[in-house]
Amino acid sequence: MLAAFRDGMDNVGHAALSNETPGNRGGLVPVFVANGVRTSAGPGPGVKHLPPDEAGRQVAALLRERIEREGLTRLPSLTQIQQEYEVSRPTAEAAVKILVDAGEAVIVPGRGTFVKR
């Protein structure tokens, strides 16, 4: 599974499962790949050590995948993005701004951020 994952990888960053992590006692652990670098930290910690704009691009890409996969019509709140992807508030804001600036989402004050279809 991991070899196929590596072969189809782009520079955005994706999560996969692997048992190749040192110290792993046979179970599968999350592996995050960003710009060709693998870590066993998972998407959250792998993202949050990057500058907010780069991490924001990666979180935006993950949100785009989720929109396609789950058919989201409304984005998670900034607090939910922070918790789900284990990123800072500025990174969550940057991810939403990227989607809004790209015309993929619209912010409705007091209501939330909605996906444009």
Protein backbone atom coordinates (compact mmCIF):
# COMPACT_ATOMS: atom_id res chain seq x y z
CA MET A 1 0.00 0.00 0.00
CA LEU A 2 2.75 2.46 0.91
CA ALA A 3 4.68 1.93 -2.33
CA ALA A 4 1.57 2.71 -4.38
CA PHE A 5 0.97 5.70 -2.16
CA ARG A 6 4.52 6.98 -2.67
CA ASP A 7 4.32 6.51 -6.44
CA GLY A 8 1.16 8.60 -6.74
CA MET A 9 2.22 11.26 -4.23
CA ASP A 10 2.20 14.93 -5.09
CA ASN A 11 3.78 17.79 -3.13
CA VAL A 12 0.65 18.66 -1.16
CA GLY A 13 0.94 16.03 1.56
CA HIS A 14 -1.22 13.04 2.35
CA ALA A 15 -1.64 10.60 5.19
CA ALA A 16 -1.10 6.86 4.90
CA LEU A 17 -0.60 3.95 7.26
CA SER A 18 2.71 2.18 7.66
CA ASN A 19 4.39 -0.24 10.00
CA GLU A 20 7.87 0.95 8.99
CA THR A 21 8.29 3.40 11.87
CA PRO A 22 11.23 2.73 14.23
CA GLY A 23 10.08 1.57 17.64
CA ASN A 24 6.70 0.47 16.29
CA ARG A 25 5.67 -2.82 17.84
CA GLY A 26 3.88 -4.26 14.82
CA GLY A 27 0.86 -1.94 14.67
CA LEU A 28 0.05 0.52 11.92
CA VAL A 29 0.83 4.17 12.59
CA PRO A 30 -0.06 7.27 10.60
CA VAL A 31 2.63 8.48 8.23
CA PHE A 32 2.53 11.96 6.73
CA VAL A 33 4.28 12.81 3.49
CA ALA A 34 4.82 16.45 2.60
CA ASN A 35 7.12 17.58 -0.19
CA GLY A 36 8.61 14.09 -0.30
CA VAL A 37 9.45 13.97 3.44
CA ARG A 38 7.89 11.18 5.54
CA THR A 39 7.15 11.56 9.23
CA SER A 40 5.21 9.35 11.60
CA ALA A 41 3.56 12.36 13.19
CA GLY A 42 0.31 12.31 11.21
CA PRO A 43 -1.15 15.22 9.27
CA GLY A 44 -1.54 17.54 12.24
CA PRO A 45 1.96 17.58 13.71
CA GLY A 46 3.52 17.28 10.26
CA VAL A 47 1.67 20.40 9.17
CA LYS A 48 2.05 22.57 12.23
CA HIS A 49 5.84 22.72 12.08
CA LEU A 50 5.65 24.57 8.77
CA PRO A 51 5.12 28.33 8.35
CA PRO A 52 1.37 29.21 8.54
CA ASP A 53 1.10 29.96 4.81
CA GLU A 54 2.63 26.62 3.74
CA ALA A 55 0.73 24.69 6.40
CA GLY A 56 -2.40 26.60 5.34
CA ARG A 57 -1.92 25.39 1.74
CA GLN A 58 -1.64 21.81 2.96
CA VAL A 59 -4.70 22.07 5.19
CA ALA A 60 -6.63 23.71 2.32
CA ALA A 61 -5.67 20.76 0.10
CA LEU A 62 -6.85 18.32 2.77
CA LEU A 63 -10.12 20.27 3.08
CA ARG A 64 -10.56 20.15 -0.72
CA GLU A 65 -10.14 16.36 -0.62
CA ARG A 66 -12.68 16.16 2.19
CA ILE A 67 -15.14 18.37 0.27
CA GLU A 68 -14.91 16.00 -2.70
CA ARG A 69 -14.97 12.80 -0.66
CA GLU A 70 -17.70 13.74 1.83
CA GLY A 71 -19.64 16.25 -0.27
CA LEU A 72 -19.32 18.97 2.37
CA THR A 73 -21.46 22.04 1.84
CA ARG A 74 -20.12 23.83 4.92
CA LEU A 75 -16.53 23.95 6.12
CA PRO A 76 -15.68 23.05 9.70
CA SER A 77 -15.28 26.03 12.04
CA LEU A 78 -11.80 27.43 12.62
CA THR A 79 -11.76 25.75 16.03
CA GLN A 80 -12.71 22.40 14.46
CA ILE A 81 -10.00 22.79 11.80
CA GLN A 82 -7.47 23.55 14.55
CA GLN A 83 -8.47 20.43 16.48
CA GLU A 84 -8.91 18.03 13.56
CA TYR A 85 -5.63 18.95 11.84
CA GLU A 86 -3.75 19.92 15.01
CA VAL A 87 -2.72 23.33 13.64
CA SER A 88 -2.59 26.86 15.00
CA ARG A 89 -5.36 29.42 14.55
CA PRO A 90 -3.36 31.40 11.94
CA THR A 91 -2.88 28.20 9.93
CA ALA A 92 -6.61 27.38 10.07
CA GLU A 93 -7.41 30.96 9.00
CA ALA A 94 -4.88 30.73 6.15
CA ALA A 95 -6.47 27.49 4.90
CA VAL A 96 -9.95 29.03 4.84
CA LYS A 97 -8.63 32.21 3.19
CA ILE A 98 -7.02 30.13 0.44
CA LEU A 99 -10.35 28.44 -0.33
CA VAL A 100 -12.23 31.77 -0.21
CA ASP A 101 -9.66 33.55 -2.40
CA ALA A 102 -9.85 30.69 -4.92
CA GLY A 103 -13.62 31.17 -5.13
CA GLU A 104 -14.26 27.71 -3.68
CA ALA A 105 -15.91 28.92 -0.47
CA VAL A 106 -17.72 31.96 0.86
CA ILE A 107 -17.83 33.29 4.42
CA VAL A 108 -21.28 34.27 5.70
CA PRO A 109 -20.75 36.34 8.87
CA GLY A 110 -22.44 34.76 11.86
CA ARG A 111 -23.33 31.62 9.88
CA GLY A 112 -20.10 29.94 8.77
CA THR A 113 -18.05 29.22 5.67
CA PHE A 114 -19.90 27.51 2.86
CA VAL A 115 -18.60 25.62 -0.16
CA LYS A 116 -19.48 27.16 -3.53
CA ARG A 117 -20.85 24.62 -6.01
